[in-house]
């Protein structure tokens, strides 16, 4: 009887509460990293929505406000913030498509899900790099 209880305890999954100090050492799978970044990017887009709407409003109000808008967005700090928002949008968009496909039960196998998570992560970064090159005037 005791052996049966020990076997049941060995078969149960272990769920750990991870503290901030342990988070650095914890090895999260690619799908977990993409999931966390999806949440972070969604929160960033939501919280910075007033800034995005302000920029949009300034770009459309008049010729003079458009000129001020160009001066404002010419600042390197504003460009970096915009680049972060661009990454957040592109990552959130790509990961959202991945989650829609997973909801349709496409790519739910462990190896496929891992591969799609890696693709989403690097696709978001590559698209951000392309837009960033345009933003900083390299082409």
C-alpha atoms as a PDB file:
ATOM      1  CA  UNK A   1       0.000   0.000   0.000  1.00  0.00           C
ATOM      2  CA  UNK A   2       2.816   2.398   0.858  1.00  0.00           C
ATOM      3  CA  UNK A   3       4.586   1.571  -2.433  1.00  0.00           C
ATOM      4  CA  UNK A   4       1.433   2.389  -4.417  1.00  0.00           C
ATOM      5  CA  UNK A   5       1.141   5.796  -2.720  1.00  0.00           C
ATOM      6  CA  UNK A   6       4.792   6.560  -3.461  1.00  0.00           C
ATOM      7  CA  UNK A   7       4.309   5.572  -7.129  1.00  0.00           C
ATOM      8  CA  UNK A   8       1.317   7.923  -7.389  1.00  0.00           C
ATOM      9  CA  UNK A   9       3.362  10.751  -5.857  1.00  0.00           C
ATOM     10  CA  UNK A  10       6.176  10.125  -8.359  1.00  0.00           C
ATOM     11  CA  UNK A  11       3.763  10.297 -11.319  1.00  0.00           C
ATOM     12  CA  UNK A  12       2.145  13.597 -10.300  1.00  0.00           C
ATOM     13  CA  UNK A  13       3.451  16.709 -12.038  1.00  0.00           C
ATOM     14  CA  UNK A  14       5.331  19.204  -9.927  1.00  0.00           C
ATOM     15  CA  UNK A  15       4.212  22.838 -10.126  1.00  0.00           C
ATOM     16  CA  UNK A  16       6.694  25.326  -8.769  1.00  0.00           C
ATOM     17  CA  UNK A  17       6.160  28.860  -7.630  1.00  0.00           C
ATOM     18  CA  UNK A  18       9.019  30.728  -9.229  1.00  0.00           C
ATOM     19  CA  UNK A  19      10.402  33.747  -7.406  1.00  0.00           C
ATOM     20  CA  UNK A  20      12.123  36.676  -9.114  1.00  0.00           C
ATOM     21  CA  UNK A  21      15.537  35.438  -7.999  1.00  0.00           C
ATOM     22  CA  UNK A  22      14.900  32.039  -9.582  1.00  0.00           C
ATOM     23  CA  UNK A  23      13.482  33.489 -12.799  1.00  0.00           C
ATOM     24  CA  UNK A  24      16.925  34.149 -14.297  1.00  0.00           C
ATOM     25  CA  UNK A  25      17.966  30.505 -13.916  1.00  0.00           C
ATOM     26  CA  UNK A  26      14.637  29.015 -15.028  1.00  0.00           C
ATOM     27  CA  UNK A  27      14.692  27.521 -18.547  1.00  0.00           C
ATOM     28  CA  UNK A  28      11.427  28.398 -20.216  1.00  0.00           C
ATOM     29  CA  UNK A  29      10.533  26.734 -23.540  1.00  0.00           C
ATOM     30  CA  UNK A  30      10.308  28.918 -26.659  1.00  0.00           C
ATOM     31  CA  UNK A  31       6.512  28.793 -26.593  1.00  0.00           C
ATOM     32  CA  UNK A  32       6.547  30.118 -23.030  1.00  0.00           C
ATOM     33  CA  UNK A  33       8.887  32.963 -23.960  1.00  0.00           C
ATOM     34  CA  UNK A  34       6.703  33.936 -26.918  1.00  0.00           C
ATOM     35  CA  UNK A  35       3.615  33.779 -24.709  1.00  0.00           C
ATOM     36  CA  UNK A  36       5.138  36.086 -22.097  1.00  0.00           C
ATOM     37  CA  UNK A  37       6.355  38.502 -24.778  1.00  0.00           C
ATOM     38  CA  UNK A  38       2.869  38.433 -26.332  1.00  0.00           C
ATOM     39  CA  UNK A  39       1.393  39.559 -23.025  1.00  0.00           C
ATOM     40  CA  UNK A  40       4.077  42.202 -22.489  1.00  0.00           C
ATOM     41  CA  UNK A  41       3.648  43.582 -26.009  1.00  0.00           C
ATOM     42  CA  UNK A  42      -0.133  43.712 -25.604  1.00  0.00           C
ATOM     43  CA  UNK A  43       0.201  45.548 -22.301  1.00  0.00           C
ATOM     44  CA  UNK A  44       2.724  47.995 -23.797  1.00  0.00           C
ATOM     45  CA  UNK A  45       0.454  48.723 -26.744  1.00  0.00           C
ATOM     46  CA  UNK A  46      -2.487  49.295 -24.418  1.00  0.00           C
ATOM     47  CA  UNK A  47      -0.591  51.506 -21.973  1.00  0.00           C
ATOM     48  CA  UNK A  48       1.050  53.591 -24.687  1.00  0.00           C
ATOM     49  CA  UNK A  49      -2.159  54.006 -26.676  1.00  0.00           C
ATOM     50  CA  UNK A  50      -2.531  57.664 -25.586  1.00  0.00           C
ATOM     51  CA  UNK A  51       0.984  58.379 -26.930  1.00  0.00           C
ATOM     52  CA  UNK A  52       0.153  56.633 -30.217  1.00  0.00           C
ATOM     53  CA  UNK A  53      -3.109  58.555 -30.567  1.00  0.00           C
ATOM     54  CA  UNK A  54      -1.328  61.825 -29.770  1.00  0.00           C
ATOM     55  CA  UNK A  55       1.203  61.186 -32.537  1.00  0.00           C
ATOM     56  CA  UNK A  56      -1.572  60.277 -34.954  1.00  0.00           C
ATOM     57  CA  UNK A  57      -3.561  63.392 -34.043  1.00  0.00           C
ATOM     58  CA  UNK A  58      -0.512  65.626 -34.470  1.00  0.00           C
ATOM     59  CA  UNK A  59       0.255  64.175 -37.860  1.00  0.00           C
ATOM     60  CA  UNK A  60      -3.250  64.908 -39.207  1.00  0.00           C
ATOM     61  CA  UNK A  61      -4.329  68.199 -37.575  1.00  0.00           C
ATOM     62  CA  UNK A  62      -2.744  70.752 -39.936  1.00  0.00           C
ATOM     63  CA  UNK A  63       0.380  71.537 -41.924  1.00  0.00           C
ATOM     64  CA  UNK A  64       1.914  73.363 -38.974  1.00  0.00           C
ATOM     65  CA  UNK A  65       1.153  70.513 -36.556  1.00  0.00           C
ATOM     66  CA  UNK A  66       2.593  68.059 -39.080  1.00  0.00           C
ATOM     67  CA  UNK A  67       5.799  70.101 -39.131  1.00  0.00           C
ATOM     68  CA  UNK A  68       5.898  69.992 -35.301  1.00  0.00           C
ATOM     69  CA  UNK A  69       5.190  66.257 -35.492  1.00  0.00           C
ATOM     70  CA  UNK A  70       8.190  65.741 -37.776  1.00  0.00           C
ATOM     71  CA  UNK A  71      10.400  67.756 -35.430  1.00  0.00           C
ATOM     72  CA  UNK A  72       9.151  65.774 -32.427  1.00  0.00           C
ATOM     73  CA  UNK A  73       9.652  62.397 -34.072  1.00  0.00           C
ATOM     74  CA  UNK A  74      13.091  63.443 -35.296  1.00  0.00           C
ATOM     75  CA  UNK A  75      14.344  63.106 -31.705  1.00  0.00           C
ATOM     76  CA  UNK A  76      16.380  59.904 -31.232  1.00  0.00           C
ATOM     77  CA  UNK A  77      14.589  59.022 -27.966  1.00  0.00           C
ATOM     78  CA  UNK A  78      11.181  59.267 -29.637  1.00  0.00           C
ATOM     79  CA  UNK A  79      12.441  57.096 -32.502  1.00  0.00           C
ATOM     80  CA  UNK A  80      13.603  54.445 -30.031  1.00  0.00           C
ATOM     81  CA  UNK A  81      10.216  54.521 -28.277  1.00  0.00           C
ATOM     82  CA  UNK A  82       8.495  54.228 -31.661  1.00  0.00           C
ATOM     83  CA  UNK A  83      10.763  51.326 -32.569  1.00  0.00           C
ATOM     84  CA  UNK A  84       9.761  49.596 -29.329  1.00  0.00           C
ATOM     85  CA  UNK A  85       6.109  50.148 -30.190  1.00  0.00           C
ATOM     86  CA  UNK A  86       6.717  48.821 -33.695  1.00  0.00           C
ATOM     87  CA  UNK A  87       8.284  45.673 -32.219  1.00  0.00           C
ATOM     88  CA  UNK A  88       5.373  45.318 -29.791  1.00  0.00           C
ATOM     89  CA  UNK A  89       2.845  45.568 -32.618  1.00  0.00           C
ATOM     90  CA  UNK A  90       4.683  43.221 -34.982  1.00  0.00           C
ATOM     91  CA  UNK A  91       5.378  40.613 -32.303  1.00  0.00           C
ATOM     92  CA  UNK A  92       1.819  40.810 -30.988  1.00  0.00           C
ATOM     93  CA  UNK A  93       0.455  40.460 -34.526  1.00  0.00           C
ATOM     94  CA  UNK A  94       2.654  37.456 -35.439  1.00  0.00           C
ATOM     95  CA  UNK A  95       2.043  35.723 -32.111  1.00  0.00           C
ATOM     96  CA  UNK A  96      -1.684  36.395 -32.431  1.00  0.00           C
ATOM     97  CA  UNK A  97      -1.740  34.615 -35.795  1.00  0.00           C
ATOM     98  CA  UNK A  98       0.153  31.711 -34.187  1.00  0.00           C
ATOM     99  CA  UNK A  99      -2.431  31.494 -31.401  1.00  0.00           C
ATOM    100  CA  UNK A 100      -5.285  31.580 -33.916  1.00  0.00           C
ATOM    101  CA  UNK A 101      -3.694  28.634 -35.732  1.00  0.00           C
ATOM    102  CA  UNK A 102      -3.232  26.799 -32.425  1.00  0.00           C
ATOM    103  CA  UNK A 103      -6.928  27.411 -31.662  1.00  0.00           C
ATOM    104  CA  UNK A 104      -7.722  25.746 -34.987  1.00  0.00           C
ATOM    105  CA  UNK A 105      -5.523  22.842 -33.808  1.00  0.00           C
ATOM    106  CA  UNK A 106      -2.882  23.549 -36.448  1.00  0.00           C
ATOM    107  CA  UNK A 107       0.642  23.015 -35.158  1.00  0.00           C
ATOM    108  CA  UNK A 108      -0.261  21.803 -31.687  1.00  0.00           C
ATOM    109  CA  UNK A 109       2.306  19.009 -31.580  1.00  0.00           C
ATOM    110  CA  UNK A 110       5.206  19.820 -29.299  1.00  0.00           C
ATOM    111  CA  UNK A 111       7.853  20.035 -32.043  1.00  0.00           C
ATOM    112  CA  UNK A 112       5.600  22.069 -34.354  1.00  0.00           C
ATOM    113  CA  UNK A 113       4.607  24.439 -31.550  1.00  0.00           C
ATOM    114  CA  UNK A 114       8.268  24.917 -30.633  1.00  0.00           C
ATOM    115  CA  UNK A 115       9.176  25.614 -34.271  1.00  0.00           C
ATOM    116  CA  UNK A 116       6.312  28.082 -34.724  1.00  0.00           C
ATOM    117  CA  UNK A 117       7.301  29.909 -31.524  1.00  0.00           C
ATOM    118  CA  UNK A 118      10.866  30.319 -32.786  1.00  0.00           C
ATOM    119  CA  UNK A 119       9.573  31.519 -36.161  1.00  0.00           C
ATOM    120  CA  UNK A 120       7.291  34.084 -34.493  1.00  0.00           C
ATOM    121  CA  UNK A 121      10.085  35.390 -32.289  1.00  0.00           C
ATOM    122  CA  UNK A 122      12.587  35.845 -35.103  1.00  0.00           C
ATOM    123  CA  UNK A 123      10.003  37.033 -37.648  1.00  0.00           C
ATOM    124  CA  UNK A 124       8.929  39.807 -35.280  1.00  0.00           C
ATOM    125  CA  UNK A 125      12.553  40.827 -34.755  1.00  0.00           C
ATOM    126  CA  UNK A 126      13.356  40.699 -38.493  1.00  0.00           C
ATOM    127  CA  UNK A 127      10.327  42.790 -39.438  1.00  0.00           C
ATOM    128  CA  UNK A 128      11.186  45.261 -36.690  1.00  0.00           C
ATOM    129  CA  UNK A 129      14.743  45.524 -38.021  1.00  0.00           C
ATOM    130  CA  UNK A 130      13.413  46.267 -41.518  1.00  0.00           C
ATOM    131  CA  UNK A 131      11.037  48.953 -40.284  1.00  0.00           C
ATOM    132  CA  UNK A 132      13.753  50.300 -37.960  1.00  0.00           C
ATOM    133  CA  UNK A 133      16.139  50.724 -40.872  1.00  0.00           C
ATOM    134  CA  UNK A 134      13.470  52.801 -42.630  1.00  0.00           C
ATOM    135  CA  UNK A 135      12.708  54.724 -39.423  1.00  0.00           C
ATOM    136  CA  UNK A 136      16.340  55.704 -38.935  1.00  0.00           C
ATOM    137  CA  UNK A 137      16.750  56.623 -42.613  1.00  0.00           C
ATOM    138  CA  UNK A 138      19.013  53.863 -43.871  1.00  0.00           C
ATOM    139  CA  UNK A 139      16.886  53.436 -47.007  1.00  0.00           C
END
